[in-house]
Amino acid sequence: MKINWGTGIVIAIVAFISFIMYFVITMSTNNKYSYDLVTDKYYQQELQYQEQIEAEKNSKTLIENLNVKYSVNGLTVNFPKDLDYAMISGKVFLYRPSNKHLDIEIPISISKPYLLVPEKRLLDGRWNIIVSWTYKKKDYLFKKELNL
């Protein structure tokens, strides 16, 4: 059987449409390709964005900013040494972009100048750490991307 050019074009178009449909169905049904928004309350957080900008500016005025290190024990968040760490309050939020069920929020309650997040709670991969803290009624914000 000989295939003429008209039949070849139809076969090529059908193959192309099938190829595209395969990817559309795969991407919409496979959980591997499922990504969530950072938060469900996106618009409420957008209204507080100016406060976050001010808190980040406050963090940049510190002599020594927060220091985040990953070790065998876990993730250590070191606060500035010149501050009275007993007066620090706030929260540490570890955001996992690939799975919102792995997100961790820890209140800051420290008796030492650092906070330790145990290693067993952290899986390898990308994490975003957001430390929102208050010292002497002044808000501070620290953000960093981590690859563990």
N, C-alpha and C. Protein backbone atom coordinates (compact mmCIF):
# COMPACT_ATOMS: atom_id res chain seq x y z
N MET A 1 0.84 -1.18 0.00
CA MET A 1 0.00 0.00 0.00
C MET A 1 0.88 1.24 0.00
N LYS A 2 0.58 2.15 -0.87
CA LYS A 2 1.34 3.38 -0.99
C LYS A 2 0.57 4.51 -0.30
N ILE A 3 1.31 5.31 0.55
CA ILE A 3 0.70 6.42 1.27
C ILE A 3 1.03 7.71 0.52
N ASN A 4 -0.02 8.44 0.12
CA ASN A 4 0.22 9.71 -0.57
C ASN A 4 0.47 10.82 0.46
N TRP A 5 0.80 12.03 -0.03
CA TRP A 5 1.18 13.11 0.88
C TRP A 5 0.00 13.60 1.73
N GLY A 6 -1.21 13.53 1.27
CA GLY A 6 -2.39 13.94 2.04
C GLY A 6 -2.60 13.01 3.23
N THR A 7 -2.47 11.72 3.03
CA THR A 7 -2.61 10.75 4.13
C THR A 7 -1.49 10.94 5.14
N GLY A 8 -0.27 11.23 4.68
CA GLY A 8 0.87 11.47 5.57
C GLY A 8 0.65 12.67 6.47
N ILE A 9 0.05 13.74 5.90
CA ILE A 9 -0.22 14.94 6.70
C ILE A 9 -1.26 14.64 7.77
N VAL A 10 -2.30 13.89 7.42
CA VAL A 10 -3.35 13.53 8.38
C VAL A 10 -2.76 12.67 9.50
N ILE A 11 -1.92 11.71 9.14
CA ILE A 11 -1.29 10.85 10.15
C ILE A 11 -0.40 11.69 11.07
N ALA A 12 0.35 12.65 10.52
CA ALA A 12 1.23 13.51 11.32
C ALA A 12 0.40 14.37 12.28
N ILE A 13 -0.71 14.93 11.80
CA ILE A 13 -1.55 15.77 12.66
C ILE A 13 -2.17 14.95 13.79
N VAL A 14 -2.67 13.76 13.48
CA VAL A 14 -3.26 12.89 14.50
C VAL A 14 -2.20 12.47 15.52
N ALA A 15 -0.99 12.16 15.07
CA ALA A 15 0.09 11.80 15.99
C ALA A 15 0.45 12.97 16.90
N PHE A 16 0.49 14.17 16.34
CA PHE A 16 0.82 15.37 17.13
C PHE A 16 -0.26 15.64 18.17
N ILE A 17 -1.51 15.55 17.79
CA ILE A 17 -2.62 15.78 18.72
C ILE A 17 -2.60 14.73 19.83
N SER A 18 -2.32 13.49 19.47
CA SER A 18 -2.23 12.42 20.47
C SER A 18 -1.10 12.68 21.45
N PHE A 19 0.03 13.13 20.95
CA PHE A 19 1.19 13.46 21.78
C PHE A 19 0.85 14.57 22.77
N ILE A 20 0.21 15.62 22.30
CA ILE A 20 -0.18 16.73 23.17
C ILE A 20 -1.21 16.28 24.21
N MET A 21 -2.19 15.51 23.80
CA MET A 21 -3.22 15.03 24.73
C MET A 21 -2.61 14.14 25.82
N TYR A 22 -1.64 13.32 25.45
CA TYR A 22 -0.96 12.48 26.43
C TYR A 22 -0.32 13.34 27.53
N PHE A 23 0.40 14.41 27.13
CA PHE A 23 1.03 15.27 28.12
C PHE A 23 0.01 16.05 28.95
N VAL A 24 -1.07 16.50 28.36
CA VAL A 24 -2.09 17.22 29.12
C VAL A 24 -2.71 16.31 30.17
N ILE A 25 -3.06 15.10 29.80
CA ILE A 25 -3.67 14.17 30.75
C ILE A 25 -2.68 13.77 31.83
N THR A 26 -1.43 13.51 31.44
CA THR A 26 -0.41 13.13 32.42
C THR A 26 -0.16 14.23 33.43
N MET A 27 -0.04 15.46 32.98
CA MET A 27 0.25 16.57 33.88
C MET A 27 -0.92 16.91 34.80
N SER A 28 -2.14 16.67 34.35
CA SER A 28 -3.29 17.04 35.18
C SER A 28 -3.69 15.94 36.16
N THR A 29 -3.28 14.69 35.93
CA THR A 29 -3.71 13.60 36.81
C THR A 29 -2.61 13.05 37.70
N ASN A 30 -1.35 13.28 37.39
CA ASN A 30 -0.25 12.71 38.16
C ASN A 30 0.08 13.61 39.34
N ASN A 31 0.11 13.05 40.55
CA ASN A 31 0.40 13.82 41.76
C ASN A 31 1.83 14.33 41.79
N LYS A 32 2.71 13.73 41.03
CA LYS A 32 4.09 14.17 40.97
C LYS A 32 4.20 15.61 40.46
N TYR A 33 3.27 16.01 39.61
CA TYR A 33 3.29 17.35 39.02
C TYR A 33 2.32 18.30 39.70
N SER A 34 1.86 17.95 40.89
CA SER A 34 0.90 18.78 41.61
C SER A 34 1.65 19.74 42.54
N TYR A 35 1.45 21.04 42.35
CA TYR A 35 2.07 22.06 43.19
C TYR A 35 0.98 22.96 43.76
N ASP A 36 1.17 23.32 45.01
CA ASP A 36 0.19 24.15 45.70
C ASP A 36 0.69 25.58 45.78
N LEU A 37 -0.24 26.47 46.07
CA LEU A 37 0.15 27.85 46.34
C LEU A 37 0.89 27.91 47.68
N VAL A 38 1.62 28.97 47.90
CA VAL A 38 2.36 29.13 49.14
C VAL A 38 1.40 29.11 50.32
N THR A 39 0.29 29.74 50.16
CA THR A 39 -0.71 29.80 51.23
C THR A 39 -2.11 29.82 50.62
N ASP A 40 -3.07 29.35 51.38
CA ASP A 40 -4.46 29.41 50.93
C ASP A 40 -5.04 30.82 51.11
N LYS A 41 -4.47 31.57 52.03
CA LYS A 41 -4.94 32.94 52.31
C LYS A 41 -4.02 33.95 51.63
N TYR A 42 -3.88 33.83 50.35
CA TYR A 42 -2.94 34.63 49.58
C TYR A 42 -3.25 36.12 49.65
N TYR A 43 -4.50 36.50 49.48
CA TYR A 43 -4.86 37.92 49.44
C TYR A 43 -4.75 38.58 50.81
N GLN A 44 -5.04 37.86 51.88
CA GLN A 44 -4.88 38.41 53.21
C GLN A 44 -3.41 38.69 53.51
N GLN A 45 -2.53 37.78 53.05
CA GLN A 45 -1.10 38.00 53.27
C GLN A 45 -0.58 39.15 52.42
N GLU A 46 -1.16 39.34 51.26
CA GLU A 46 -0.73 40.44 50.38
C GLU A 46 -0.98 41.79 51.04
N LEU A 47 -2.06 41.89 51.83
CA LEU A 47 -2.36 43.14 52.52
C LEU A 47 -1.34 43.45 53.62
N GLN A 48 -0.67 42.44 54.15
CA GLN A 48 0.33 42.63 55.19
C GLN A 48 1.74 42.75 54.62
N TYR A 49 1.87 42.86 53.32
CA TYR A 49 3.17 42.85 52.68
C TYR A 49 4.04 44.04 53.08
N GLN A 50 3.46 45.22 53.25
CA GLN A 50 4.24 46.40 53.66
C GLN A 50 4.85 46.20 55.04
N GLU A 51 4.13 45.56 55.94
CA GLU A 51 4.66 45.28 57.26
C GLU A 51 5.86 44.33 57.16
N GLN A 52 5.81 43.38 56.23
CA GLN A 52 6.93 42.46 56.02
C GLN A 52 8.15 43.21 55.48
N ILE A 53 7.92 44.15 54.59
CA ILE A 53 9.02 44.95 54.05
C ILE A 53 9.69 45.74 55.16
N GLU A 54 8.91 46.35 56.05
CA GLU A 54 9.47 47.10 57.17
C GLU A 54 10.24 46.19 58.11
N ALA A 55 9.72 45.00 58.38
CA ALA A 55 10.41 44.06 59.26
C ALA A 55 11.73 43.60 58.65
N GLU A 56 11.78 43.40 57.33
CA GLU A 56 13.04 43.04 56.67
C GLU A 56 14.04 44.18 56.73
N LYS A 57 13.56 45.42 56.60
CA LYS A 57 14.46 46.58 56.73
C LYS A 57 15.04 46.64 58.14
N ASN A 58 14.21 46.34 59.14
CA ASN A 58 14.69 46.32 60.53
C ASN A 58 15.78 45.27 60.71
N SER A 59 15.62 44.13 60.07
CA SER A 59 16.63 43.06 60.17
C SER A 59 17.95 43.49 59.56
N LYS A 60 17.89 44.26 58.49
CA LYS A 60 19.12 44.70 57.84
C LYS A 60 19.86 45.77 58.63
N THR A 61 19.18 46.41 59.57
CA THR A 61 19.85 47.43 60.39
C THR A 61 20.58 46.84 61.58
N LEU A 62 20.38 45.56 61.85
CA LEU A 62 21.07 44.91 62.96
C LEU A 62 22.56 44.81 62.68
N ILE A 63 23.37 44.87 63.72
CA ILE A 63 24.81 44.70 63.56
C ILE A 63 25.11 43.29 63.05
N GLU A 64 24.43 42.32 63.62
CA GLU A 64 24.59 40.93 63.21
C GLU A 64 23.19 40.36 62.99
N ASN A 65 22.94 39.84 61.80
CA ASN A 65 21.62 39.29 61.49
C ASN A 65 21.58 37.82 61.91
N LEU A 66 20.43 37.20 61.71
CA LEU A 66 20.30 35.77 62.01
C LEU A 66 21.25 34.96 61.15
N ASN A 67 21.66 33.82 61.68
CA ASN A 67 22.53 32.92 60.96
C ASN A 67 21.90 31.53 61.01
N VAL A 68 21.73 30.91 59.85
CA VAL A 68 21.11 29.59 59.77
C VAL A 68 22.15 28.60 59.28
N LYS A 69 22.33 27.53 60.05
CA LYS A 69 23.30 26.50 59.67
C LYS A 69 22.66 25.13 59.79
N TYR A 70 23.02 24.24 58.86
CA TYR A 70 22.54 22.86 58.90
C TYR A 70 23.67 21.97 59.37
N SER A 71 23.41 21.15 60.39
CA SER A 71 24.42 20.25 60.92
C SER A 71 23.81 18.86 61.10
N VAL A 72 24.56 17.98 61.72
CA VAL A 72 24.10 16.60 61.95
C VAL A 72 22.88 16.59 62.86
N ASN A 73 22.83 17.48 63.84
CA ASN A 73 21.72 17.53 64.80
C ASN A 73 20.45 18.10 64.20
N GLY A 74 20.59 18.94 63.19
CA GLY A 74 19.43 19.58 62.59
C GLY A 74 19.76 20.97 62.11
N LEU A 75 18.74 21.78 62.00
CA LEU A 75 18.88 23.15 61.51
C LEU A 75 18.97 24.08 62.72
N THR A 76 20.05 24.85 62.79
CA THR A 76 20.27 25.76 63.91
C THR A 76 20.05 27.20 63.44
N VAL A 77 19.16 27.91 64.12
CA VAL A 77 18.91 29.32 63.86
C VAL A 77 19.56 30.10 64.99
N ASN A 78 20.67 30.79 64.68
CA ASN A 78 21.41 31.56 65.67
C ASN A 78 20.94 33.02 65.65
N PHE A 79 20.54 33.51 66.80
CA PHE A 79 20.11 34.90 66.92
C PHE A 79 21.31 35.78 67.23
N PRO A 80 21.22 37.08 66.97
CA PRO A 80 22.35 37.98 67.26
C PRO A 80 22.77 37.89 68.73
N LYS A 81 24.07 37.87 68.95
CA LYS A 81 24.61 37.69 70.30
C LYS A 81 24.43 38.93 71.18
N ASP A 82 24.29 40.10 70.59
CA ASP A 82 24.17 41.32 71.38
C ASP A 82 22.76 41.56 71.93
N LEU A 83 21.81 40.67 71.61
CA LEU A 83 20.43 40.83 72.08
C LEU A 83 20.17 39.92 73.28
N ASP A 84 19.23 40.32 74.12
CA ASP A 84 18.79 39.49 75.24
C ASP A 84 17.80 38.46 74.67
N TYR A 85 18.27 37.24 74.48
CA TYR A 85 17.46 36.24 73.80
C TYR A 85 16.21 35.83 74.57
N ALA A 86 16.15 36.11 75.86
CA ALA A 86 14.94 35.79 76.63
C ALA A 86 13.77 36.69 76.23
N MET A 87 14.07 37.84 75.61
CA MET A 87 13.02 38.77 75.20
C MET A 87 12.59 38.57 73.75
N ILE A 88 13.13 37.57 73.07
CA ILE A 88 12.80 37.32 71.67
C ILE A 88 11.57 36.42 71.61
N SER A 89 10.60 36.80 70.80
CA SER A 89 9.41 35.97 70.57
C SER A 89 9.10 35.98 69.08
N GLY A 90 8.33 35.02 68.65
CA GLY A 90 7.95 34.94 67.24
C GLY A 90 7.78 33.51 66.79
N LYS A 91 8.04 33.28 65.49
CA LYS A 91 7.88 31.92 64.97
C LYS A 91 8.86 31.69 63.82
N VAL A 92 9.19 30.42 63.64
CA VAL A 92 10.02 29.95 62.53
C VAL A 92 9.11 29.11 61.65
N PHE A 93 9.07 29.47 60.37
CA PHE A 93 8.22 28.74 59.42
C PHE A 93 9.11 28.14 58.34
N LEU A 94 9.08 26.82 58.24
CA LEU A 94 9.82 26.12 57.20
C LEU A 94 8.81 25.66 56.15
N TYR A 95 8.93 26.21 54.97
CA TYR A 95 8.00 25.95 53.87
C TYR A 95 8.64 25.01 52.86
N ARG A 96 7.95 23.93 52.54
CA ARG A 96 8.42 22.98 51.54
C ARG A 96 7.59 23.19 50.28
N PRO A 97 8.17 23.76 49.19
CA PRO A 97 7.39 24.07 47.99
C PRO A 97 6.74 22.85 47.33
N SER A 98 7.35 21.69 47.45
CA SER A 98 6.83 20.52 46.75
C SER A 98 5.73 19.79 47.49
N ASN A 99 5.55 20.04 48.80
CA ASN A 99 4.54 19.32 49.56
C ASN A 99 4.15 20.14 50.79
N LYS A 100 2.93 20.67 50.79
CA LYS A 100 2.52 21.52 51.90
C LYS A 100 2.32 20.74 53.20
N HIS A 101 2.22 19.43 53.13
CA HIS A 101 2.04 18.62 54.33
C HIS A 101 3.34 18.50 55.14
N LEU A 102 4.47 18.87 54.53
CA LEU A 102 5.75 18.83 55.23
C LEU A 102 6.11 20.17 55.87
N ASP A 103 5.28 21.20 55.68
CA ASP A 103 5.56 22.51 56.26
C ASP A 103 5.62 22.41 57.79
N ILE A 104 6.53 23.19 58.36
CA ILE A 104 6.74 23.16 59.82
C ILE A 104 6.67 24.59 60.34
N GLU A 105 5.92 24.79 61.41
CA GLU A 105 5.87 26.08 62.09
C GLU A 105 6.21 25.86 63.56
N ILE A 106 7.25 26.56 64.03
CA ILE A 106 7.74 26.39 65.39
C ILE A 106 7.72 27.74 66.09
N PRO A 107 7.07 27.84 67.26
CA PRO A 107 7.12 29.10 68.00
C PRO A 107 8.51 29.28 68.61
N ILE A 108 8.96 30.52 68.68
CA ILE A 108 10.28 30.81 69.25
C ILE A 108 10.13 30.95 70.76
N SER A 109 10.73 30.04 71.46
CA SER A 109 10.79 30.07 72.91
C SER A 109 12.16 29.51 73.27
N ILE A 110 13.11 30.40 73.48
CA ILE A 110 14.49 29.93 73.63
C ILE A 110 15.08 30.32 74.98
N SER A 111 15.97 29.45 75.47
CA SER A 111 16.73 29.74 76.68
C SER A 111 18.21 29.87 76.35
N LYS A 112 18.55 29.67 75.08
CA LYS A 112 19.91 29.82 74.58
C LYS A 112 19.84 30.74 73.37
N PRO A 113 20.97 31.26 72.90
CA PRO A 113 20.90 32.20 71.77
C PRO A 113 20.64 31.55 70.42
N TYR A 114 20.11 30.33 70.41
CA TYR A 114 19.81 29.66 69.15
C TYR A 114 18.57 28.78 69.31
N LEU A 115 17.99 28.43 68.17
CA LEU A 115 16.84 27.53 68.12
C LEU A 115 17.24 26.36 67.24
N LEU A 116 16.97 25.14 67.69
CA LEU A 116 17.34 23.94 66.94
C LEU A 116 16.09 23.25 66.43
N VAL A 117 16.04 23.04 65.10
CA VAL A 117 14.98 22.25 64.48
C VAL A 117 15.57 20.86 64.27
N PRO A 118 15.01 19.82 64.90
CA PRO A 118 15.60 18.49 64.82
C PRO A 118 15.71 17.98 63.38
N GLU A 119 16.77 17.24 63.11
CA GLU A 119 17.08 16.74 61.77
C GLU A 119 16.01 15.76 61.27
N LYS A 120 15.40 15.02 62.17
CA LYS A 120 14.43 14.00 61.77
C LYS A 120 13.18 14.60 61.13
N ARG A 121 12.91 15.88 61.37
CA ARG A 121 11.73 16.52 60.78
C ARG A 121 12.00 17.08 59.39
N LEU A 122 13.28 17.13 58.99
CA LEU A 122 13.65 17.75 57.72
C LEU A 122 14.06 16.69 56.70
N LEU A 123 13.39 16.68 55.57
CA LEU A 123 13.76 15.79 54.48
C LEU A 123 14.73 16.52 53.55
N ASP A 124 15.49 15.76 52.81
CA ASP A 124 16.39 16.37 51.83
C ASP A 124 15.58 17.08 50.77
N GLY A 125 16.13 18.18 50.26
CA GLY A 125 15.46 18.93 49.21
C GLY A 125 15.44 20.41 49.53
N ARG A 126 14.59 21.12 48.82
CA ARG A 126 14.51 22.58 48.97
C ARG A 126 13.52 22.96 50.06
N TRP A 127 13.94 23.91 50.91
CA TRP A 127 13.12 24.48 51.96
C TRP A 127 13.28 26.00 51.91
N ASN A 128 12.24 26.70 52.25
CA ASN A 128 12.30 28.14 52.46
C ASN A 128 12.08 28.37 53.95
N ILE A 129 12.99 29.09 54.58
CA ILE A 129 12.84 29.39 56.00
C ILE A 129 12.46 30.86 56.15
N ILE A 130 11.45 31.09 56.96
CA ILE A 130 10.99 32.45 57.26
C ILE A 130 10.94 32.57 58.78
N VAL A 131 11.78 33.46 59.32
CA VAL A 131 11.81 33.68 60.76
C VAL A 131 11.22 35.07 61.02
N SER A 132 10.06 35.07 61.65
CA SER A 132 9.37 36.31 61.99
C SER A 132 9.47 36.46 63.51
N TRP A 133 10.20 37.48 63.95
CA TRP A 133 10.43 37.61 65.38
C TRP A 133 10.34 39.06 65.84
N THR A 134 10.10 39.21 67.15
CA THR A 134 9.93 40.52 67.77
C THR A 134 10.91 40.65 68.93
N TYR A 135 11.53 41.81 69.01
CA TYR A 135 12.44 42.11 70.12
C TYR A 135 12.19 43.55 70.55
N LYS A 136 11.82 43.73 71.78
CA LYS A 136 11.49 45.06 72.34
C LYS A 136 10.46 45.79 71.47
N LYS A 137 9.37 45.10 71.16
CA LYS A 137 8.24 45.63 70.39
C LYS A 137 8.61 46.09 68.98
N LYS A 138 9.70 45.56 68.43
CA LYS A 138 10.12 45.87 67.07
C LYS A 138 10.15 44.56 66.29
N ASP A 139 9.49 44.57 65.13
CA ASP A 139 9.38 43.36 64.33
C ASP A 139 10.57 43.20 63.39
N TYR A 140 10.98 41.93 63.22
CA TYR A 140 12.08 41.58 62.33
C TYR A 140 11.65 40.39 61.49
N LEU A 141 12.20 40.30 60.28
CA LEU A 141 11.86 39.20 59.38
C LEU A 141 13.12 38.76 58.65
N PHE A 142 13.33 37.45 58.61
CA PHE A 142 14.48 36.86 57.95
C PHE A 142 13.97 35.78 57.01
N LYS A 143 14.42 35.81 55.74
CA LYS A 143 14.02 34.82 54.75
C LYS A 143 15.26 34.25 54.08
N LYS A 144 15.22 32.94 53.81
CA LYS A 144 16.35 32.31 53.13
C LYS A 144 15.88 31.00 52.50
N GLU A 145 16.47 30.69 51.33
CA GLU A 145 16.23 29.40 50.67
C GLU A 145 17.32 28.43 51.10
N LEU A 146 16.91 27.22 51.42
CA LEU A 146 17.85 26.19 51.85
C LEU A 146 17.73 24.98 50.96
N ASN A 147 18.84 24.36 50.65
CA ASN A 147 18.87 23.08 49.95
C ASN A 147 19.57 22.08 50.85
N LEU A 148 18.81 21.19 51.45
CA LEU A 148 19.39 20.21 52.38
C LEU A 148 19.69 18.91 51.66
